[in-house]
Amino acid sequence: MRRKGFTLLEVMVGLAILAIFVTLVQGVYTGAAKNKRASEEATGAAHGASAILDKMADELSMAFQSSSRKGQTILLAATDMENNSKVEFTTMTPRIENLPTGGETRLRYEVRPDPETEGAVKLVRIEMADPFGDMDRDGVELTMLGGIKRFTFSCYNGSEWVSMWDGGYDLENPVLPLAAKLTIEWADKFKNKKIISTATPIWAAAGINAKVKPEEG
C-alpha cells in the first residue's frame, strides 16, 4: 500500500528551498531599494547644486561697477591652495519687503571646511546691502551647500578663461570680465566624482575688457 503525504525530510527540504528563494527575492528587492534611494539622493544633490549655480549665474550676469566708486565695486576672484575659488562682486538683487536686502548688493562666495562632512568644504554666501561697507563686519552669511569637494570660478577676458581677476589689473580704471563660469564638484555616497557647471555673460562688461589679459592664477 502506497503512503500518502510527505515525510519529515521532504518537508524540511521544501522549507529550505523556500527559505533560499525568499532570501534571494528579498536580496533583489533590498538591492533595488538601495539603488533607488542612491539614485534619488544623487538626483537631489545634482538639482540642488544646479539651482545654486543658476542663482549665482543670475547674480553675476547683473554684476556692475559704479562709475563714481569703481574701487569699491570691483570684481575680485582668487583661488586657494586647493584650487577652490573666492569671488566678490557688486550686483542688483531683488528687494524683499521689511528686510535689509535688495537693490545694489555686494556679494562674496567662498568655501570653508564643512564640520559635518570629513574632508569636505561648504559653499558660503556673504551678502552686504551696502556695497561700500565692510564685508567682513557687515555681511550676512549663509551656507548654500555643504559636503562638496570643490568650487571653482573662472572668467573670460576676451581671449582666454582665467581663474584670477582683480579689476583687470588696472585699479585706476577697473573693468569687468566678459563672462563667468562656475563649477561645483562633489562625491556621491559611493565616492564617485560628480561635476556640474554653468556659465553666463556679464552684461555690463564693456568692449575694453577684451583687451585686458590678466595672468592665469
Foldseek 3Di string as FASTA:
>chain_A
DDDDDDDPVVVVVVVVVVVVVVVVVVVVVVVVVVVVVLVVVVVVVVVLVVVVQVVVQVFQLFFDADPVCNLLFFWWKDADPLRAMKIKGWGADPDDPPDLDGGTKIKMWGWDCDPVDPQWIWIKMWIASDSNDDRVVRTDIDTRGTQFNHKAKWAAQQPDIARTDGQLPPSVRRFDGQKMKIKTWHAGPVRHIDMDMDMHGRVNGDPCSNVRDDDHD
